[in-house]
Amino acid sequence: MTESDPVQRRSFAAGRHPVQQHPAPPSPPWSAERLAARRPFLARRAHLRAEVAAFLSARGYAEVETPILQACPGMEPNLEPFATRYVPKLGTGERPMFLQFSPEFAMKKLLAGGAGPIFQFARVFRNGEEGPLHQPEFTLLEWYRPGLDLAGLMDETETLIRTVCPEGLRRGGHIVPTDRPFARVTMAEAFARHLGIDLLATAGDAAALAAAAGERLRPNDTWQDVFFRLLLGRIEPAIGRDAPCFLTHWPASEAALARRDPNDPRLALRFELFAAGVELANAYEELTDAAEQRARFDAWREERRRATGEDRLPDEEFLAALEAGLPPCSGIALGFDRLVMLATGAERIEDVLWLPAI
């Protein structure tokens, strides 16, 4: 108690303990005041969605809808699914089902069937996600075009962002302009520029990568563990500040759904797009070889089995679609909620959602 606190002085003078002041619990996200605070962001969200759809439609893309329930949510060993089960009313055939990580498998099946250029605003689900940029349920914008290579997809993505966000991308008071060329930096260039190391020379050797970067090697660290720790902690914060940045040509081990670079098989034709410290999109020049895709899934399956004991079966229908003939194509998954955040300057992902899941 201080002498400047008259409420507490009166309480003690009356022989009572001071009243404990507890902050009021936050109002629920559907409350009038919180919904009203989100309305400007939500209005921009609606306009942005219409603008994106118009842009893609004008370029010959057809909007599609695919099932949220999947036999396999995805094979990524670091992502946790929401699991459920299908129970037929008649007969047998109960089987596990999952809420999708991404509509990628379903959309590639349509590509194999001859759908042509397609896009989708998809509801996707990832268990355990939380934080200013994460929700367990969110919206991905995905689009795929047969015959388009990775460089062409970067061109198209840059034109889309510039068209729908001409005022720039904002976060934490910082504005990243979109009216200038986006940066294009290979992963090897990024590690050389920001950490002074030859990334590819350390491939598969966790101790060598950690030593080269001056990073402590933790017990049971794999090369991938060290790579992603450096990427998230020291590379990503340094890029996409003056202009959005495409981080391209990833180590082949970190792009299981992408084609290898024909000029350097150590690399995969993958990019991620960064702006204002936010990862905005992930893209591949797609792998179309069914046998190679199965082998990569087997590697992921074994990695997950070792780490968690779970044996996650691949989507055999997806592999059958590759065998039937997925045309050469490129595709991208863009976090639509994050795009709305950067278009409006919103600080948290729930600010741009009508009603957040958590």
Protein backbone atom coordinates (compact mmCIF):
# COMPACT_ATOMS: atom_id res chain seq x y z
CA MET A 1 0.00 0.00 0.00
CA THR A 2 1.22 3.51 -0.78
CA GLU A 3 0.19 6.80 0.77
CA SER A 4 -1.30 7.78 -2.57
CA ASP A 5 -3.88 4.97 -2.42
CA PRO A 6 -6.96 6.40 -0.61
CA VAL A 7 -9.12 3.31 -1.25
CA GLN A 8 -6.72 1.04 0.59
CA ARG A 9 -6.24 3.64 3.38
CA ARG A 10 -10.00 3.73 3.98
CA SER A 11 -10.18 -0.07 4.03
CA PHE A 12 -7.48 -0.41 6.67
CA ALA A 13 -8.96 2.42 8.73
CA ALA A 14 -12.28 0.57 8.82
CA GLY A 15 -10.55 -2.60 10.01
CA ARG A 16 -11.08 -4.42 6.69
CA HIS A 17 -8.61 -6.04 4.30
CA PRO A 18 -8.15 -4.10 1.06
CA VAL A 19 -10.40 -5.17 -1.78
CA GLN A 20 -8.51 -7.28 -4.29
CA GLN A 21 -8.88 -5.90 -7.79
CA HIS A 22 -9.15 -8.68 -10.42
CA PRO A 23 -9.25 -7.91 -14.11
CA ALA A 24 -12.58 -8.64 -15.69
CA PRO A 25 -12.55 -11.76 -17.87
CA PRO A 26 -12.38 -10.97 -21.57
CA SER A 27 -15.68 -10.84 -23.36
CA PRO A 28 -16.35 -13.68 -25.83
CA PRO A 29 -15.43 -13.12 -29.47
CA TRP A 30 -19.13 -12.96 -30.49
CA SER A 31 -19.83 -10.09 -28.09
CA ALA A 32 -21.05 -6.85 -29.65
CA GLU A 33 -17.96 -4.83 -28.77
CA ARG A 34 -15.44 -7.40 -30.03
CA LEU A 35 -17.37 -8.13 -33.21
CA ALA A 36 -17.69 -4.39 -33.88
CA ALA A 37 -13.91 -4.02 -33.50
CA ARG A 38 -13.39 -6.72 -36.13
CA ARG A 39 -15.92 -5.41 -38.66
CA PRO A 40 -13.49 -3.19 -40.63
CA PHE A 41 -11.09 -6.14 -41.01
CA LEU A 42 -13.96 -8.44 -42.01
CA ALA A 43 -15.19 -5.99 -44.64
CA ARG A 44 -11.69 -5.93 -46.15
CA ARG A 45 -11.64 -9.72 -45.99
CA ALA A 46 -14.80 -9.97 -48.09
CA HIS A 47 -13.49 -7.51 -50.68
CA LEU A 48 -10.12 -9.25 -50.81
CA ARG A 49 -11.71 -12.64 -51.38
CA ALA A 50 -13.79 -11.26 -54.26
CA GLU A 51 -10.75 -9.54 -55.77
CA VAL A 52 -8.64 -12.71 -55.60
CA ALA A 53 -11.41 -14.81 -57.15
CA ALA A 54 -11.86 -12.27 -59.95
CA PHE A 55 -8.11 -12.18 -60.63
CA LEU A 56 -7.83 -15.96 -60.91
CA SER A 57 -11.06 -16.36 -62.86
CA ALA A 58 -9.87 -13.78 -65.39
CA ARG A 59 -6.77 -15.94 -65.91
CA GLY A 60 -8.83 -19.01 -66.74
CA TYR A 61 -8.96 -20.70 -63.34
CA ALA A 62 -12.12 -22.53 -62.29
CA GLU A 63 -13.14 -22.37 -58.63
CA VAL A 64 -13.64 -25.84 -57.12
CA GLU A 65 -14.76 -27.35 -53.83
CA THR A 66 -13.37 -30.63 -52.53
CA PRO A 67 -14.21 -32.66 -49.40
CA ILE A 68 -12.85 -31.58 -46.05
CA LEU A 69 -13.00 -35.19 -44.83
CA GLN A 70 -10.08 -37.21 -46.18
CA ALA A 71 -8.83 -40.78 -45.90
CA CYS A 72 -5.37 -39.27 -45.27
CA PRO A 73 -4.98 -35.71 -43.96
CA GLY A 74 -1.44 -35.42 -45.35
CA MET A 75 1.84 -37.20 -44.68
CA GLU A 76 3.85 -34.40 -43.03
CA PRO A 77 5.34 -35.92 -39.86
CA ASN A 78 5.32 -32.60 -38.00
CA LEU A 79 1.57 -31.93 -38.38
CA GLU A 80 -1.12 -33.39 -36.12
CA PRO A 81 -4.57 -34.11 -37.58
CA PHE A 82 -8.08 -33.97 -36.21
CA ALA A 83 -9.33 -37.54 -36.46
CA THR A 84 -12.84 -38.88 -36.73
CA ARG A 85 -14.48 -41.98 -38.25
CA TYR A 86 -17.08 -42.78 -40.86
CA VAL A 87 -19.81 -45.14 -39.60
CA PRO A 88 -22.24 -46.33 -42.29
CA LYS A 89 -25.86 -46.69 -41.20
CA LEU A 90 -26.16 -49.99 -43.04
CA GLY A 91 -23.69 -52.80 -43.26
CA THR A 92 -20.04 -52.68 -42.35
CA GLY A 93 -17.16 -50.53 -43.51
CA GLU A 94 -16.44 -48.23 -40.58
CA ARG A 95 -13.17 -46.48 -41.29
CA PRO A 96 -11.02 -43.64 -39.92
CA MET A 97 -11.31 -40.22 -41.53
CA PHE A 98 -9.44 -36.97 -40.97
CA LEU A 99 -9.99 -33.25 -41.37
CA GLN A 100 -7.62 -32.12 -44.11
CA PHE A 101 -4.33 -30.30 -43.61
CA SER A 102 -4.73 -28.98 -47.15
CA PRO A 103 -6.87 -29.67 -50.24
CA GLU A 104 -3.70 -30.51 -52.19
CA PHE A 105 -4.30 -34.25 -52.67
CA ALA A 106 -7.92 -33.71 -53.74
CA MET A 107 -7.07 -30.91 -56.15
CA LYS A 108 -4.29 -32.93 -57.78
CA LYS A 109 -6.76 -35.77 -58.31
CA LEU A 110 -8.91 -33.28 -60.26
CA LEU A 111 -5.86 -32.18 -62.25
CA ALA A 112 -5.16 -35.81 -63.15
CA GLY A 113 -8.76 -36.05 -64.33
CA GLY A 114 -8.33 -33.11 -66.70
CA ALA A 115 -9.84 -30.26 -64.64
CA GLY A 116 -7.31 -27.72 -65.94
CA PRO A 117 -6.36 -24.59 -63.94
CA ILE A 118 -8.23 -24.61 -60.60
CA PHE A 119 -8.38 -22.69 -57.33
CA GLN A 120 -10.09 -23.09 -53.98
CA PHE A 121 -10.65 -21.24 -50.71
CA ALA A 122 -10.41 -24.27 -48.41
CA ARG A 123 -11.10 -24.73 -44.72
CA VAL A 124 -8.16 -26.67 -43.28
CA PHE A 125 -7.32 -28.05 -39.84
CA ARG A 126 -4.12 -28.58 -37.86
CA ASN A 127 -4.28 -29.82 -34.30
CA GLY A 128 -2.33 -27.96 -31.63
CA GLU A 129 -1.94 -24.71 -33.61
CA GLU A 130 -2.16 -21.52 -31.56
CA GLY A 131 -0.63 -18.04 -31.45
CA PRO A 132 -0.94 -14.66 -33.16
CA LEU A 133 -0.55 -16.25 -36.63
CA HIS A 134 -2.20 -19.62 -35.98
CA GLN A 135 -5.63 -21.15 -35.45
CA PRO A 136 -6.47 -24.86 -35.54
CA GLU A 137 -9.04 -24.08 -38.28
CA PHE A 138 -8.15 -21.58 -40.97
CA THR A 139 -8.46 -20.79 -44.69
CA LEU A 140 -5.96 -21.70 -47.38
CA LEU A 141 -6.15 -20.31 -50.89
CA GLU A 142 -4.70 -22.92 -53.24
CA TRP A 143 -4.34 -22.75 -57.00
CA TYR A 144 -2.75 -25.03 -59.60
CA ARG A 145 -2.00 -24.53 -63.28
CA PRO A 146 -0.89 -27.27 -65.70
CA GLY A 147 2.11 -26.27 -67.80
CA LEU A 148 3.30 -23.55 -65.40
CA ASP A 149 6.82 -23.76 -63.98
CA LEU A 150 8.01 -22.40 -60.63
CA ALA A 151 9.29 -19.12 -62.09
CA GLY A 152 5.95 -18.57 -63.82
CA LEU A 153 4.12 -19.22 -60.56
CA MET A 154 6.28 -16.62 -58.79
CA ASP A 155 5.41 -14.12 -61.52
CA GLU A 156 1.70 -14.86 -61.15
CA THR A 157 1.79 -14.72 -57.35
CA GLU A 158 3.62 -11.39 -57.41
CA THR A 159 1.07 -9.94 -59.83
CA LEU A 160 -1.80 -11.19 -57.67
CA ILE A 161 -0.42 -9.67 -54.46
CA ARG A 162 0.36 -6.37 -56.19
CA THR A 163 -3.14 -6.26 -57.73
CA VAL A 164 -5.14 -6.95 -54.55
CA CYS A 165 -2.82 -5.16 -52.08
CA PRO A 166 -1.47 -2.13 -53.98
CA GLU A 167 -1.14 -0.18 -50.73
CA GLY A 168 1.45 -2.63 -49.41
CA LEU A 169 1.51 -5.22 -46.63
CA ARG A 170 1.51 -4.08 -43.00
CA ARG A 171 2.51 -5.60 -39.69
CA GLY A 172 3.52 -4.00 -36.41
CA GLY A 173 3.53 -0.55 -37.96
CA HIS A 174 5.96 -1.61 -40.71
CA ILE A 175 4.83 -1.38 -44.34
CA VAL A 176 6.30 -3.66 -47.01
CA PRO A 177 5.65 -2.06 -50.42
CA THR A 178 4.24 -4.22 -53.18
CA ASP A 179 4.82 -1.78 -56.06
CA ARG A 180 8.43 -2.84 -56.59
CA PRO A 181 9.87 -6.19 -57.75
CA PHE A 182 9.67 -8.95 -55.15
CA ALA A 183 13.02 -10.38 -54.03
CA ARG A 184 13.96 -13.89 -55.19
CA VAL A 185 16.62 -15.57 -53.03
CA THR A 186 17.65 -19.21 -53.06
CA MET A 187 17.92 -21.02 -49.75
CA ALA A 188 21.67 -21.46 -50.26
CA GLU A 189 22.06 -17.72 -50.93
CA ALA A 190 20.05 -16.87 -47.80
CA PHE A 191 22.23 -19.05 -45.55
CA ALA A 192 25.40 -17.66 -47.10
CA ARG A 193 24.20 -14.05 -46.83
CA HIS A 194 22.76 -14.10 -43.32
CA LEU A 195 24.80 -16.83 -41.61
CA GLY A 196 27.95 -16.97 -43.72
CA ILE A 197 27.73 -20.73 -44.27
CA ASP A 198 27.56 -23.19 -47.17
CA LEU A 199 24.27 -24.92 -46.40
CA LEU A 200 24.50 -27.70 -48.99
CA ALA A 201 28.00 -28.67 -47.85
CA THR A 202 26.52 -29.72 -44.50
CA ALA A 203 23.64 -31.78 -45.94
CA GLY A 204 22.69 -34.61 -43.58
CA ASP A 205 25.31 -33.64 -40.96
CA ALA A 206 23.60 -31.94 -38.02
CA ALA A 207 26.85 -31.34 -36.13
CA ALA A 208 28.48 -29.68 -39.15
CA LEU A 209 25.51 -27.39 -39.73
CA ALA A 210 25.28 -26.39 -36.07
CA ALA A 211 29.03 -25.74 -35.83
CA ALA A 212 29.08 -23.66 -39.02
CA ALA A 213 26.25 -21.48 -37.68
CA GLY A 214 27.58 -21.24 -34.12
CA GLU A 215 24.47 -23.06 -32.90
CA ARG A 216 24.41 -25.46 -29.95
CA LEU A 217 23.63 -29.00 -30.99
CA ARG A 218 20.86 -30.40 -28.81
CA PRO A 219 20.49 -34.08 -27.88
CA ASN A 220 18.94 -36.11 -30.71
CA ASP A 221 19.00 -33.16 -33.12
CA THR A 222 18.69 -34.13 -36.77
CA TRP A 223 19.99 -32.02 -39.63
CA GLN A 224 16.37 -31.00 -40.30
CA ASP A 225 15.97 -29.85 -36.68
CA VAL A 226 18.99 -27.55 -36.92
CA PHE A 227 18.03 -26.37 -40.42
CA PHE A 228 14.54 -25.29 -39.37
CA ARG A 229 15.76 -23.71 -36.13
CA LEU A 230 18.14 -21.54 -38.14
CA LEU A 231 15.53 -20.83 -40.79
CA LEU A 232 12.85 -19.78 -38.31
CA GLY A 233 15.11 -17.95 -35.90
CA ARG A 234 17.71 -16.25 -38.08
CA ILE A 235 16.71 -16.32 -41.75
CA GLU A 236 12.97 -15.59 -41.83
CA PRO A 237 13.18 -12.48 -39.58
CA ALA A 238 15.82 -11.00 -41.91
CA ILE A 239 13.94 -11.32 -45.22
CA GLY A 240 10.84 -9.73 -46.73
CA ARG A 241 11.35 -6.40 -44.95
CA ASP A 242 11.88 -4.06 -47.90
CA ALA A 243 9.86 -6.07 -50.42
CA PRO A 244 8.12 -9.45 -50.29
CA CYS A 245 10.67 -12.23 -50.74
CA PHE A 246 10.45 -15.59 -52.48
CA LEU A 247 12.79 -18.04 -50.73
CA THR A 248 13.45 -20.64 -53.43
CA HIS A 249 15.24 -23.93 -54.24
CA TRP A 250 14.97 -25.77 -50.95
CA PRO A 251 17.06 -28.80 -49.98
CA ALA A 252 15.43 -31.79 -51.64
CA SER A 253 14.88 -33.47 -48.26
CA GLU A 254 12.51 -30.62 -47.27
CA ALA A 255 10.12 -30.73 -50.23
CA ALA A 256 8.58 -34.19 -50.48
CA LEU A 257 5.85 -33.11 -52.94
CA ALA A 258 8.08 -31.08 -55.26
CA ARG A 259 10.18 -31.97 -58.31
CA ARG A 260 13.91 -32.06 -57.92
CA ASP A 261 15.82 -29.33 -59.70
CA PRO A 262 17.06 -30.90 -62.96
CA ASN A 263 20.16 -28.71 -62.72
CA ASP A 264 21.02 -29.80 -59.17
CA PRO A 265 19.34 -32.90 -57.68
CA ARG A 266 20.30 -31.76 -54.17
CA LEU A 267 17.58 -29.11 -54.53
CA ALA A 268 13.81 -29.13 -54.94
CA LEU A 269 11.68 -26.70 -56.94
CA ARG A 270 9.93 -25.12 -53.97
CA PHE A 271 9.46 -21.58 -52.74
CA GLU A 272 7.96 -19.87 -49.73
CA LEU A 273 6.84 -16.24 -49.80
CA PHE A 274 7.66 -13.96 -46.87
CA ALA A 275 6.58 -10.42 -46.07
CA ALA A 276 6.81 -8.33 -42.87
CA GLY A 277 8.15 -11.30 -40.92
CA VAL A 278 5.27 -13.57 -41.94
CA GLU A 279 5.36 -16.74 -44.03
CA LEU A 280 2.54 -16.12 -46.49
CA ALA A 281 2.68 -18.99 -49.01
CA ASN A 282 4.31 -22.30 -49.89
CA ALA A 283 4.59 -23.55 -53.47
CA TYR A 284 5.98 -26.41 -55.58
CA GLU A 285 6.67 -27.28 -59.13
CA GLU A 286 4.80 -30.49 -58.54
CA LEU A 287 6.24 -33.98 -58.43
CA THR A 288 4.38 -36.12 -61.00
CA ASP A 289 6.30 -39.41 -60.66
CA ALA A 290 4.14 -41.86 -58.69
CA ALA A 291 6.99 -44.23 -57.78
CA GLU A 292 9.18 -41.43 -56.45
CA GLN A 293 6.24 -39.95 -54.55
CA ARG A 294 5.51 -43.30 -52.90
CA ALA A 295 9.15 -43.61 -51.84
CA ARG A 296 9.06 -40.15 -50.27
CA PHE A 297 5.82 -40.97 -48.46
CA ASP A 298 7.43 -44.16 -47.16
CA ALA A 299 10.29 -42.08 -45.74
CA TRP A 300 7.86 -39.70 -44.03
CA ARG A 301 5.84 -42.67 -42.78
CA GLU A 302 8.93 -44.22 -41.19
CA GLU A 303 9.98 -40.89 -39.68
CA ARG A 304 6.59 -40.51 -38.03
CA ARG A 305 6.58 -44.13 -36.87
CA ARG A 306 9.95 -43.62 -35.15
CA ALA A 307 8.91 -40.33 -33.56
CA THR A 308 5.38 -41.12 -32.40
CA GLY A 309 4.66 -44.80 -32.95
CA GLU A 310 1.85 -43.90 -35.38
CA ASP A 311 1.74 -45.61 -38.77
CA ARG A 312 0.02 -43.10 -41.07
CA LEU A 313 -1.05 -44.73 -44.32
CA PRO A 314 -0.74 -42.73 -47.55
CA ASP A 315 -3.69 -41.79 -49.73
CA GLU A 316 -3.65 -44.62 -52.26
CA GLU A 317 -6.20 -42.85 -54.45
CA PHE A 318 -3.83 -39.88 -54.72
CA LEU A 319 -0.98 -42.18 -55.74
CA ALA A 320 -3.29 -43.81 -58.29
CA ALA A 321 -4.03 -40.37 -59.73
CA LEU A 322 -0.30 -39.78 -60.16
CA GLU A 323 0.01 -43.11 -61.90
CA ALA A 324 -2.90 -42.20 -64.19
CA GLY A 325 -1.03 -39.06 -65.17
CA LEU A 326 -0.73 -35.80 -63.28
CA PRO A 327 0.20 -33.18 -65.90
CA PRO A 328 3.33 -31.08 -65.35
CA CYS A 329 2.11 -28.22 -63.18
CA SER A 330 2.86 -25.87 -60.32
CA GLY A 331 0.71 -25.12 -57.30
CA ILE A 332 0.64 -22.86 -54.28
CA ALA A 333 -0.99 -22.72 -50.85
CA LEU A 334 -1.41 -19.16 -49.57
CA GLY A 335 -2.61 -18.42 -46.05
CA PHE A 336 -5.66 -16.30 -46.83
CA ASP A 337 -6.20 -15.20 -43.23
CA ARG A 338 -2.58 -14.06 -43.10
CA LEU A 339 -3.01 -12.15 -46.35
CA VAL A 340 -5.98 -10.34 -44.79
CA MET A 341 -3.86 -9.60 -41.71
CA LEU A 342 -1.11 -8.05 -43.83
CA ALA A 343 -3.60 -6.14 -45.97
CA THR A 344 -5.26 -4.58 -42.90
CA GLY A 345 -2.44 -4.38 -40.37
CA ALA A 346 -4.32 -6.67 -37.94
CA GLU A 347 -2.08 -8.00 -35.17
CA ARG A 348 -3.70 -11.39 -34.53
CA ILE A 349 -5.35 -13.91 -36.81
CA GLU A 350 -8.59 -13.87 -34.79
CA ASP A 351 -8.94 -10.17 -35.68
CA VAL A 352 -9.73 -11.16 -39.28
CA LEU A 353 -12.06 -14.11 -38.54
CA TRP A 354 -15.82 -13.82 -38.10
CA LEU A 355 -15.59 -16.30 -35.24
CA PRO A 356 -12.29 -17.95 -34.27
CA ALA A 357 -12.30 -21.65 -33.40
CA ILE A 358 -10.39 -21.04 -30.13
